[in-house]
Structures are given as C-alpha cells and as structure tokens.
Amino acid sequence: MSDTRDPDLTTYRDVQLSPDFTELRRRFRRFVFPMTALFLVWYFVYVLLADYAHGFMSHKIGGSNITVALIFGLLQFVSTFAITLIYVRWADRKLDPDAAKLRHQIEGAQQ
C-alpha cells in the first residue's frame, strides 16, 4: 500500500482545522443556539399555558370568539417566520462572505 493521502480529504481537513472555519462555526453557534433556546422556551410556555392555564388561554379577546390561545398559536407561526427572516439577513451579512471565501479556498485547491 502506498502512503499517499487523498488531496481532497486533506484540503477539507485543513479547512476544518483552520482558524477561519473555527471562527465561522463559532459565529454560527453564537447566533443559532440562543435563538433556538429562545424559541423553545416560547413554544414550551405556550404548551404549558395551554395545558395548565385553561382560564387564561380561553379568555376571549374583545368579546369575539378569538381567544388568547388562538392569538398565542398564531404568534408561534409569526415567530417562526420572523426567526427565519432574521437568520437569513444575519447569515447574508455575517456568514456568507466568509463561507464563500472558504469555499473558494477549497475549490481553488482542487483545480
């Protein structure tokens, strides 16, 4: 067997161990983990209120058939879309330029 290493694998490993990739991953995690935790807390508060605060959640808003539970349920959808929009804008500014630079380093090394 020869002792040669796969150049593609070496390039990916080198990029993965590079400070630029480490910083990119750190920046991603600093945004995604807190945002995920925030959304999960919001979701579980909604679920717990629906299960244990029937009086509060069944309270009608403005004398119509719209309840607090319905409003909170709709806000779950709104918050999901808002988080997605915030992430896309953030990634466009903070992640994509550095990710493109790393991709160029990998693809340039393969050619």
C-alpha atoms as a PDB file:
ATOM      1  CA  MET A   1       0.000   0.000   0.000  1.00  0.00           C
ATOM      2  CA  SER A   2       1.203   3.471  -0.759  1.00  0.00           C
ATOM      3  CA  ASP A   3       1.381   6.174   1.887  1.00  0.00           C
ATOM      4  CA  THR A   4      -0.243   8.881  -0.240  1.00  0.00           C
ATOM      5  CA  ARG A   5      -3.131  10.826   1.214  1.00  0.00           C
ATOM      6  CA  ASP A   6      -6.248  11.856  -0.633  1.00  0.00           C
ATOM      7  CA  PRO A   7      -5.690  15.548  -1.529  1.00  0.00           C
ATOM      8  CA  ASP A   8      -9.406  16.347  -1.318  1.00  0.00           C
ATOM      9  CA  LEU A   9      -9.653  14.904   2.171  1.00  0.00           C
ATOM     10  CA  THR A  10      -6.532  16.768   3.246  1.00  0.00           C
ATOM     11  CA  THR A  11      -7.937  20.050   1.930  1.00  0.00           C
ATOM     12  CA  TYR A  12     -11.220  19.612   3.793  1.00  0.00           C
ATOM     13  CA  ARG A  13      -9.411  18.598   6.959  1.00  0.00           C
ATOM     14  CA  ASP A  14      -7.088  21.581   6.657  1.00  0.00           C
ATOM     15  CA  VAL A  15     -10.035  23.944   6.211  1.00  0.00           C
ATOM     16  CA  GLN A  16     -11.922  22.360   9.100  1.00  0.00           C
ATOM     17  CA  LEU A  17      -8.918  22.890  11.373  1.00  0.00           C
ATOM     18  CA  SER A  18      -8.261  26.426  10.139  1.00  0.00           C
ATOM     19  CA  PRO A  19      -8.882  29.455  12.374  1.00  0.00           C
ATOM     20  CA  ASP A  20     -11.219  30.935   9.740  1.00  0.00           C
ATOM     21  CA  PHE A  21     -13.503  27.896   9.824  1.00  0.00           C
ATOM     22  CA  THR A  22     -13.382  27.778  13.618  1.00  0.00           C
ATOM     23  CA  GLU A  23     -14.445  31.439  13.757  1.00  0.00           C
ATOM     24  CA  LEU A  24     -17.214  30.848  11.217  1.00  0.00           C
ATOM     25  CA  ARG A  25     -18.547  27.920  13.241  1.00  0.00           C
ATOM     26  CA  ARG A  26     -18.304  29.922  16.488  1.00  0.00           C
ATOM     27  CA  ARG A  27     -20.223  32.828  14.960  1.00  0.00           C
ATOM     28  CA  PHE A  28     -22.913  30.452  13.663  1.00  0.00           C
ATOM     29  CA  ARG A  29     -23.320  28.780  17.051  1.00  0.00           C
ATOM     30  CA  ARG A  30     -23.442  32.100  18.912  1.00  0.00           C
ATOM     31  CA  PHE A  31     -26.498  33.024  16.858  1.00  0.00           C
ATOM     32  CA  VAL A  32     -28.273  29.709  16.388  1.00  0.00           C
ATOM     33  CA  PHE A  33     -28.083  28.214  19.881  1.00  0.00           C
ATOM     34  CA  PRO A  34     -29.526  31.219  21.764  1.00  0.00           C
ATOM     35  CA  MET A  35     -32.193  31.748  19.087  1.00  0.00           C
ATOM     36  CA  THR A  36     -33.173  28.084  19.264  1.00  0.00           C
ATOM     37  CA  ALA A  37     -33.310  28.210  23.070  1.00  0.00           C
ATOM     38  CA  LEU A  38     -35.442  31.345  22.958  1.00  0.00           C
ATOM     39  CA  PHE A  39     -37.888  29.788  20.516  1.00  0.00           C
ATOM     40  CA  LEU A  40     -38.117  26.552  22.515  1.00  0.00           C
ATOM     41  CA  VAL A  41     -38.822  28.466  25.720  1.00  0.00           C
ATOM     42  CA  TRP A  42     -41.544  30.439  23.913  1.00  0.00           C
ATOM     43  CA  TYR A  43     -43.005  27.206  22.497  1.00  0.00           C
ATOM     44  CA  PHE A  44     -42.996  25.347  25.827  1.00  0.00           C
ATOM     45  CA  VAL A  45     -44.542  28.332  27.623  1.00  0.00           C
ATOM     46  CA  TYR A  46     -47.356  28.166  25.071  1.00  0.00           C
ATOM     47  CA  VAL A  47     -47.785  24.409  25.559  1.00  0.00           C
ATOM     48  CA  LEU A  48     -47.693  24.677  29.363  1.00  0.00           C
ATOM     49  CA  LEU A  49     -50.170  27.549  29.383  1.00  0.00           C
ATOM     50  CA  ALA A  50     -52.473  25.580  27.097  1.00  0.00           C
ATOM     51  CA  ASP A  51     -52.311  22.609  29.442  1.00  0.00           C
ATOM     52  CA  TYR A  52     -52.347  24.278  32.859  1.00  0.00           C
ATOM     53  CA  ALA A  53     -53.883  27.750  32.420  1.00  0.00           C
ATOM     54  CA  HIS A  54     -57.222  26.945  30.802  1.00  0.00           C
ATOM     55  CA  GLY A  55     -58.914  30.027  32.206  1.00  0.00           C
ATOM     56  CA  PHE A  56     -56.265  32.377  30.881  1.00  0.00           C
ATOM     57  CA  MET A  57     -55.956  30.704  27.489  1.00  0.00           C
ATOM     58  CA  SER A  58     -59.730  30.537  26.971  1.00  0.00           C
ATOM     59  CA  HIS A  59     -60.169  34.231  27.771  1.00  0.00           C
ATOM     60  CA  LYS A  60     -61.954  35.887  24.846  1.00  0.00           C
ATOM     61  CA  ILE A  61     -60.433  38.993  23.306  1.00  0.00           C
ATOM     62  CA  GLY A  62     -62.795  41.860  22.573  1.00  0.00           C
ATOM     63  CA  GLY A  63     -65.967  39.842  23.083  1.00  0.00           C
ATOM     64  CA  SER A  64     -65.397  37.753  19.950  1.00  0.00           C
ATOM     65  CA  ASN A  65     -64.558  34.083  19.524  1.00  0.00           C
ATOM     66  CA  ILE A  66     -60.867  34.901  19.367  1.00  0.00           C
ATOM     67  CA  THR A  67     -59.099  33.628  22.480  1.00  0.00           C
ATOM     68  CA  VAL A  68     -55.670  34.167  23.998  1.00  0.00           C
ATOM     69  CA  ALA A  69     -54.801  30.602  22.957  1.00  0.00           C
ATOM     70  CA  LEU A  70     -55.603  31.368  19.328  1.00  0.00           C
ATOM     71  CA  ILE A  71     -53.506  34.546  19.408  1.00  0.00           C
ATOM     72  CA  PHE A  72     -50.569  32.705  21.025  1.00  0.00           C
ATOM     73  CA  GLY A  73     -50.912  29.883  18.497  1.00  0.00           C
ATOM     74  CA  LEU A  74     -50.806  32.297  15.590  1.00  0.00           C
ATOM     75  CA  LEU A  75     -47.841  34.056  17.171  1.00  0.00           C
ATOM     76  CA  GLN A  76     -45.987  30.725  17.055  1.00  0.00           C
ATOM     77  CA  PHE A  77     -46.194  30.871  13.260  1.00  0.00           C
ATOM     78  CA  VAL A  78     -45.278  34.548  13.183  1.00  0.00           C
ATOM     79  CA  SER A  79     -42.250  33.968  15.401  1.00  0.00           C
ATOM     80  CA  THR A  80     -41.087  31.061  13.210  1.00  0.00           C
ATOM     81  CA  PHE A  81     -41.183  33.233  10.097  1.00  0.00           C
ATOM     82  CA  ALA A  82     -39.559  36.137  11.950  1.00  0.00           C
ATOM     83  CA  ILE A  83     -36.692  33.947  13.176  1.00  0.00           C
ATOM     84  CA  THR A  84     -36.181  32.638   9.652  1.00  0.00           C
ATOM     85  CA  LEU A  85     -36.120  36.154   8.218  1.00  0.00           C
ATOM     86  CA  ILE A  86     -33.728  37.379  10.921  1.00  0.00           C
ATOM     87  CA  TYR A  87     -31.410  34.410  10.350  1.00  0.00           C
ATOM     88  CA  VAL A  88     -31.337  34.825   6.567  1.00  0.00           C
ATOM     89  CA  ARG A  89     -30.478  38.517   6.832  1.00  0.00           C
ATOM     90  CA  TRP A  90     -27.877  37.837   9.515  1.00  0.00           C
ATOM     91  CA  ALA A  91     -26.283  34.995   7.540  1.00  0.00           C
ATOM     92  CA  ASP A  92     -26.159  37.114   4.388  1.00  0.00           C
ATOM     93  CA  ARG A  93     -24.107  39.720   6.260  1.00  0.00           C
ATOM     94  CA  LYS A  94     -22.104  37.709   8.788  1.00  0.00           C
ATOM     95  CA  LEU A  95     -21.641  34.163   7.474  1.00  0.00           C
ATOM     96  CA  ASP A  96     -21.947  34.006   3.719  1.00  0.00           C
ATOM     97  CA  PRO A  97     -18.944  36.183   2.797  1.00  0.00           C
ATOM     98  CA  ASP A  98     -16.581  34.131   4.974  1.00  0.00           C
ATOM     99  CA  ALA A  99     -18.166  30.858   3.862  1.00  0.00           C
ATOM    100  CA  ALA A 100     -17.671  31.890   0.233  1.00  0.00           C
ATOM    101  CA  LYS A 101     -14.021  32.643   0.952  1.00  0.00           C
ATOM    102  CA  LEU A 102     -13.537  29.194   2.483  1.00  0.00           C
ATOM    103  CA  ARG A 103     -15.360  27.544  -0.399  1.00  0.00           C
ATOM    104  CA  HIS A 104     -13.061  29.345  -2.827  1.00  0.00           C
ATOM    105  CA  GLN A 105     -10.032  28.087  -0.902  1.00  0.00           C
ATOM    106  CA  ILE A 106     -11.303  24.504  -1.141  1.00  0.00           C
ATOM    107  CA  GLU A 107     -12.369  24.659  -4.756  1.00  0.00           C
ATOM    108  CA  GLY A 108      -9.248  26.530  -5.772  1.00  0.00           C
ATOM    109  CA  ALA A 109      -7.068  23.891  -4.150  1.00  0.00           C
ATOM    110  CA  GLN A 110      -8.862  21.117  -6.053  1.00  0.00           C
ATOM    111  CA  GLN A 111      -8.295  22.578  -9.504  1.00  0.00           C
END
